[in-house]
Amino acid sequence: LDGCLFLYPKEHWNTIINKYQQLPDTKDKRQFLRIFLSGATTCEYDKQGRINILSPLISYAGLQKDCVIIGTGDRLEIWAEDAWCEFFNSTKDNMSDIAENIFNESVGI
């Protein structure tokens, strides 16, 4: 969704799919699912702990030599290093405003 790849544990992925299936059958839902799920693939680690990323996904995320892998709580994200740096640098100065917008006293953080 943000120019990076999302990696979910299988159990969490199944939960996401179940939630999507419960949404009303609208044109937007169908279009979203077609695009979003068209890149979905099961990955398995090799003996050295690596995964094989398919070329359409490499192209989508602009992955080349150097990548950044970050954890976001429920998933990992794989970013092209230059895209991550651009995102980080454009966002870091707004973190206080972003936090204020998404967290409130009812969250208790």
N, C-alpha and C. Protein backbone atom coordinates (compact mmCIF):
# COMPACT_ATOMS: atom_id res chain seq x y z
N LEU A 1 0.81 -1.20 0.00
CA LEU A 1 0.00 0.00 0.00
C LEU A 1 0.86 1.26 0.00
N ASP A 2 2.02 1.22 0.59
CA ASP A 2 2.86 2.41 0.72
C ASP A 2 4.14 2.30 -0.09
N GLY A 3 4.13 1.44 -1.10
CA GLY A 3 5.33 1.26 -1.90
C GLY A 3 6.33 0.32 -1.27
N CYS A 4 5.85 -0.47 -0.30
CA CYS A 4 6.71 -1.46 0.33
C CYS A 4 5.94 -2.79 0.35
N LEU A 5 6.62 -3.83 0.79
CA LEU A 5 5.99 -5.14 0.89
C LEU A 5 5.62 -5.43 2.34
N PHE A 6 4.45 -6.02 2.55
CA PHE A 6 4.00 -6.41 3.88
C PHE A 6 4.21 -7.92 4.02
N LEU A 7 4.76 -8.34 5.13
CA LEU A 7 4.92 -9.76 5.44
C LEU A 7 4.17 -10.05 6.74
N TYR A 8 3.18 -10.94 6.65
CA TYR A 8 2.36 -11.30 7.79
C TYR A 8 2.59 -12.76 8.17
N PRO A 9 2.50 -13.08 9.46
CA PRO A 9 2.43 -14.49 9.84
C PRO A 9 1.13 -15.07 9.27
N LYS A 10 1.14 -16.33 8.91
CA LYS A 10 -0.01 -16.95 8.26
C LYS A 10 -1.30 -16.79 9.08
N GLU A 11 -1.22 -16.96 10.39
CA GLU A 11 -2.42 -16.85 11.22
C GLU A 11 -3.02 -15.44 11.14
N HIS A 12 -2.16 -14.44 11.17
CA HIS A 12 -2.65 -13.06 11.09
C HIS A 12 -3.21 -12.78 9.70
N TRP A 13 -2.56 -13.28 8.68
CA TRP A 13 -3.05 -13.11 7.31
C TRP A 13 -4.45 -13.69 7.18
N ASN A 14 -4.66 -14.87 7.73
CA ASN A 14 -5.99 -15.50 7.67
C ASN A 14 -7.04 -14.64 8.36
N THR A 15 -6.67 -13.99 9.47
CA THR A 15 -7.59 -13.10 10.16
C THR A 15 -7.95 -11.91 9.28
N ILE A 16 -6.97 -11.35 8.60
CA ILE A 16 -7.20 -10.22 7.69
C ILE A 16 -8.16 -10.63 6.57
N ILE A 17 -7.91 -11.76 5.97
CA ILE A 17 -8.76 -12.24 4.87
C ILE A 17 -10.18 -12.46 5.36
N ASN A 18 -10.33 -13.04 6.54
CA ASN A 18 -11.68 -13.25 7.09
C ASN A 18 -12.41 -11.93 7.28
N LYS A 19 -11.71 -10.89 7.75
CA LYS A 19 -12.33 -9.57 7.91
C LYS A 19 -12.73 -8.99 6.56
N TYR A 20 -11.87 -9.13 5.56
CA TYR A 20 -12.19 -8.63 4.22
C TYR A 20 -13.43 -9.32 3.66
N GLN A 21 -13.54 -10.62 3.90
CA GLN A 21 -14.68 -11.37 3.37
C GLN A 21 -16.00 -10.94 4.01
N GLN A 22 -15.94 -10.35 5.19
CA GLN A 22 -17.16 -9.91 5.87
C GLN A 22 -17.64 -8.53 5.40
N LEU A 23 -16.81 -7.82 4.64
CA LEU A 23 -17.21 -6.52 4.14
C LEU A 23 -18.31 -6.67 3.09
N PRO A 24 -19.18 -5.67 2.96
CA PRO A 24 -20.21 -5.73 1.92
C PRO A 24 -19.57 -5.85 0.54
N ASP A 25 -20.24 -6.56 -0.33
CA ASP A 25 -19.71 -6.77 -1.68
C ASP A 25 -19.97 -5.53 -2.53
N THR A 26 -19.00 -4.64 -2.54
CA THR A 26 -19.11 -3.40 -3.31
C THR A 26 -18.04 -3.40 -4.39
N LYS A 27 -18.18 -2.48 -5.32
CA LYS A 27 -17.19 -2.34 -6.38
C LYS A 27 -15.81 -2.02 -5.79
N ASP A 28 -15.77 -1.11 -4.79
CA ASP A 28 -14.50 -0.76 -4.16
C ASP A 28 -13.84 -1.97 -3.50
N LYS A 29 -14.63 -2.77 -2.82
CA LYS A 29 -14.08 -3.97 -2.18
C LYS A 29 -13.48 -4.89 -3.23
N ARG A 30 -14.21 -5.15 -4.28
CA ARG A 30 -13.71 -6.05 -5.33
C ARG A 30 -12.45 -5.52 -5.96
N GLN A 31 -12.41 -4.23 -6.26
CA GLN A 31 -11.21 -3.64 -6.87
C GLN A 31 -10.03 -3.70 -5.92
N PHE A 32 -10.25 -3.35 -4.67
CA PHE A 32 -9.18 -3.40 -3.68
C PHE A 32 -8.62 -4.82 -3.56
N LEU A 33 -9.52 -5.79 -3.38
CA LEU A 33 -9.07 -7.16 -3.19
C LEU A 33 -8.34 -7.70 -4.41
N ARG A 34 -8.79 -7.35 -5.59
CA ARG A 34 -8.11 -7.82 -6.80
C ARG A 34 -6.65 -7.37 -6.82
N ILE A 35 -6.46 -6.10 -6.56
CA ILE A 35 -5.09 -5.56 -6.60
C ILE A 35 -4.29 -6.03 -5.40
N PHE A 36 -4.85 -5.87 -4.20
CA PHE A 36 -4.12 -6.20 -2.98
C PHE A 36 -3.75 -7.67 -2.93
N LEU A 37 -4.69 -8.54 -3.26
CA LEU A 37 -4.43 -9.98 -3.15
C LEU A 37 -3.68 -10.55 -4.35
N SER A 38 -3.62 -9.81 -5.44
CA SER A 38 -2.91 -10.33 -6.62
C SER A 38 -1.42 -10.51 -6.35
N GLY A 39 -0.89 -9.78 -5.40
CA GLY A 39 0.53 -9.92 -5.06
C GLY A 39 0.80 -10.85 -3.90
N ALA A 40 -0.25 -11.38 -3.31
CA ALA A 40 -0.07 -12.24 -2.13
C ALA A 40 0.56 -13.56 -2.53
N THR A 41 1.51 -13.98 -1.75
CA THR A 41 2.16 -15.26 -1.98
C THR A 41 2.65 -15.83 -0.66
N THR A 42 2.73 -17.12 -0.57
CA THR A 42 3.28 -17.77 0.61
C THR A 42 4.79 -17.85 0.46
N CYS A 43 5.48 -17.46 1.50
CA CYS A 43 6.95 -17.51 1.49
C CYS A 43 7.42 -18.48 2.56
N GLU A 44 8.45 -19.22 2.22
CA GLU A 44 9.07 -20.10 3.20
C GLU A 44 10.54 -19.76 3.28
N TYR A 45 11.07 -19.87 4.48
CA TYR A 45 12.49 -19.61 4.68
C TYR A 45 13.32 -20.78 4.15
N ASP A 46 14.47 -20.46 3.58
CA ASP A 46 15.39 -21.52 3.21
C ASP A 46 16.25 -21.85 4.43
N LYS A 47 17.22 -22.74 4.27
CA LYS A 47 18.03 -23.19 5.40
C LYS A 47 18.86 -22.07 6.02
N GLN A 48 19.06 -20.99 5.27
CA GLN A 48 19.83 -19.86 5.78
C GLN A 48 18.93 -18.72 6.27
N GLY A 49 17.61 -18.96 6.34
CA GLY A 49 16.68 -17.97 6.86
C GLY A 49 16.28 -16.90 5.86
N ARG A 50 16.47 -17.17 4.58
CA ARG A 50 16.12 -16.21 3.54
C ARG A 50 14.78 -16.59 2.92
N ILE A 51 14.14 -15.58 2.30
CA ILE A 51 12.93 -15.85 1.53
C ILE A 51 13.17 -15.41 0.09
N ASN A 52 12.44 -16.02 -0.81
CA ASN A 52 12.52 -15.66 -2.22
C ASN A 52 11.35 -14.72 -2.54
N ILE A 53 11.67 -13.51 -3.00
CA ILE A 53 10.64 -12.54 -3.34
C ILE A 53 10.44 -12.57 -4.86
N LEU A 54 9.19 -12.74 -5.28
CA LEU A 54 8.88 -12.84 -6.71
C LEU A 54 9.16 -11.51 -7.42
N SER A 55 9.54 -11.60 -8.69
CA SER A 55 9.94 -10.41 -9.45
C SER A 55 8.85 -9.33 -9.55
N PRO A 56 7.55 -9.67 -9.68
CA PRO A 56 6.56 -8.57 -9.69
C PRO A 56 6.56 -7.77 -8.39
N LEU A 57 6.80 -8.44 -7.27
CA LEU A 57 6.85 -7.74 -5.99
C LEU A 57 8.13 -6.92 -5.85
N ILE A 58 9.22 -7.45 -6.37
CA ILE A 58 10.49 -6.70 -6.37
C ILE A 58 10.31 -5.41 -7.17
N SER A 59 9.66 -5.53 -8.31
CA SER A 59 9.42 -4.38 -9.16
C SER A 59 8.50 -3.38 -8.48
N TYR A 60 7.39 -3.85 -7.90
CA TYR A 60 6.43 -2.97 -7.23
C TYR A 60 7.12 -2.13 -6.15
N ALA A 61 7.94 -2.78 -5.32
CA ALA A 61 8.57 -2.08 -4.20
C ALA A 61 9.88 -1.40 -4.59
N GLY A 62 10.31 -1.56 -5.83
CA GLY A 62 11.55 -0.93 -6.27
C GLY A 62 12.78 -1.47 -5.56
N LEU A 63 12.72 -2.75 -5.19
CA LEU A 63 13.83 -3.35 -4.46
C LEU A 63 15.01 -3.57 -5.39
N GLN A 64 16.16 -3.13 -4.93
CA GLN A 64 17.39 -3.36 -5.69
C GLN A 64 18.39 -4.01 -4.76
N LYS A 65 19.54 -3.44 -4.65
CA LYS A 65 20.57 -4.08 -3.83
C LYS A 65 20.31 -3.94 -2.33
N ASP A 66 20.08 -2.73 -1.86
CA ASP A 66 19.94 -2.49 -0.43
C ASP A 66 18.48 -2.28 -0.05
N CYS A 67 18.04 -3.02 0.98
CA CYS A 67 16.67 -2.95 1.47
C CYS A 67 16.68 -2.69 2.96
N VAL A 68 15.55 -2.23 3.46
CA VAL A 68 15.35 -2.02 4.89
C VAL A 68 14.15 -2.85 5.30
N ILE A 69 14.30 -3.60 6.38
CA ILE A 69 13.20 -4.39 6.92
C ILE A 69 12.85 -3.80 8.28
N ILE A 70 11.58 -3.44 8.43
CA ILE A 70 11.14 -2.88 9.71
C ILE A 70 9.97 -3.70 10.25
N GLY A 71 9.82 -3.69 11.56
CA GLY A 71 8.68 -4.33 12.20
C GLY A 71 7.66 -3.25 12.56
N THR A 72 6.39 -3.54 12.32
CA THR A 72 5.34 -2.56 12.65
C THR A 72 4.33 -3.14 13.63
N GLY A 73 4.71 -4.13 14.37
CA GLY A 73 3.82 -4.74 15.36
C GLY A 73 3.20 -6.02 14.86
N ASP A 74 2.36 -5.93 13.83
CA ASP A 74 1.67 -7.12 13.33
C ASP A 74 2.27 -7.66 12.04
N ARG A 75 3.28 -6.97 11.51
CA ARG A 75 3.87 -7.41 10.25
C ARG A 75 5.28 -6.86 10.13
N LEU A 76 5.99 -7.39 9.15
CA LEU A 76 7.26 -6.82 8.72
C LEU A 76 7.00 -6.07 7.43
N GLU A 77 7.78 -5.03 7.18
CA GLU A 77 7.72 -4.32 5.91
C GLU A 77 9.10 -4.33 5.29
N ILE A 78 9.15 -4.57 3.99
CA ILE A 78 10.40 -4.52 3.25
C ILE A 78 10.35 -3.31 2.33
N TRP A 79 11.31 -2.42 2.51
CA TRP A 79 11.39 -1.18 1.75
C TRP A 79 12.68 -1.14 0.95
N ALA A 80 12.62 -0.54 -0.23
CA ALA A 80 13.86 -0.16 -0.91
C ALA A 80 14.51 0.89 -0.01
N GLU A 81 15.81 0.82 0.16
CA GLU A 81 16.48 1.71 1.10
C GLU A 81 16.21 3.19 0.79
N ASP A 82 16.27 3.56 -0.47
CA ASP A 82 16.05 4.97 -0.81
C ASP A 82 14.60 5.40 -0.53
N ALA A 83 13.63 4.51 -0.76
CA ALA A 83 12.23 4.83 -0.47
C ALA A 83 12.02 4.96 1.04
N TRP A 84 12.65 4.07 1.82
CA TRP A 84 12.52 4.18 3.27
C TRP A 84 13.11 5.49 3.78
N CYS A 85 14.29 5.84 3.31
CA CYS A 85 14.94 7.08 3.74
C CYS A 85 14.08 8.29 3.38
N GLU A 86 13.50 8.28 2.20
CA GLU A 86 12.63 9.38 1.78
C GLU A 86 11.40 9.47 2.69
N PHE A 87 10.77 8.32 2.93
CA PHE A 87 9.60 8.29 3.82
C PHE A 87 9.98 8.77 5.22
N PHE A 88 11.05 8.22 5.78
CA PHE A 88 11.46 8.56 7.13
C PHE A 88 11.77 10.04 7.26
N ASN A 89 12.55 10.55 6.33
CA ASN A 89 12.94 11.96 6.39
C ASN A 89 11.75 12.90 6.21
N SER A 90 10.77 12.50 5.41
CA SER A 90 9.61 13.36 5.20
C SER A 90 8.60 13.27 6.34
N THR A 91 8.72 12.26 7.18
CA THR A 91 7.74 12.02 8.23
C THR A 91 8.26 12.36 9.63
N LYS A 92 9.55 12.23 9.86
CA LYS A 92 10.09 12.32 11.22
C LYS A 92 9.78 13.65 11.91
N ASP A 93 9.76 14.74 11.20
CA ASP A 93 9.50 16.03 11.82
C ASP A 93 8.03 16.21 12.22
N ASN A 94 7.16 15.36 11.69
CA ASN A 94 5.73 15.45 12.00
C ASN A 94 5.28 14.42 13.03
N MET A 95 6.21 13.69 13.62
CA MET A 95 5.85 12.60 14.52
C MET A 95 5.00 13.06 15.71
N SER A 96 5.29 14.22 16.25
CA SER A 96 4.51 14.73 17.37
C SER A 96 3.06 14.95 16.96
N ASP A 97 2.85 15.56 15.81
CA ASP A 97 1.48 15.79 15.32
C ASP A 97 0.79 14.48 14.98
N ILE A 98 1.51 13.56 14.37
CA ILE A 98 0.94 12.26 14.01
C ILE A 98 0.50 11.53 15.28
N ALA A 99 1.37 11.50 16.28
CA ALA A 99 1.04 10.82 17.54
C ALA A 99 -0.19 11.45 18.19
N GLU A 100 -0.25 12.76 18.17
CA GLU A 100 -1.39 13.45 18.76
C GLU A 100 -2.68 13.11 18.03
N ASN A 101 -2.61 12.96 16.71
CA ASN A 101 -3.80 12.64 15.92
C ASN A 101 -4.31 11.22 16.15
N ILE A 102 -3.41 10.27 16.37
CA ILE A 102 -3.86 8.87 16.46
C ILE A 102 -4.05 8.38 17.90
N PHE A 103 -3.37 9.02 18.84
CA PHE A 103 -3.51 8.60 20.24
C PHE A 103 -4.30 9.66 21.00
N ASN A 104 -5.13 9.20 21.88
CA ASN A 104 -5.85 10.13 22.74
C ASN A 104 -5.89 9.56 24.14
N GLU A 105 -6.47 10.25 25.06
CA GLU A 105 -6.47 9.81 26.46
C GLU A 105 -7.17 8.47 26.65
N SER A 106 -8.12 8.13 25.81
CA SER A 106 -8.83 6.87 25.97
C SER A 106 -7.96 5.66 25.64
N VAL A 107 -6.89 5.87 24.85
CA VAL A 107 -5.99 4.78 24.52
C VAL A 107 -5.14 4.43 25.73
N GLY A 108 -4.83 5.40 26.55
CA GLY A 108 -4.06 5.15 27.75
C GLY A 108 -2.57 5.02 27.54
N ILE A 109 -2.04 5.62 26.49
CA ILE A 109 -0.60 5.57 26.24
C ILE A 109 0.00 6.91 26.61
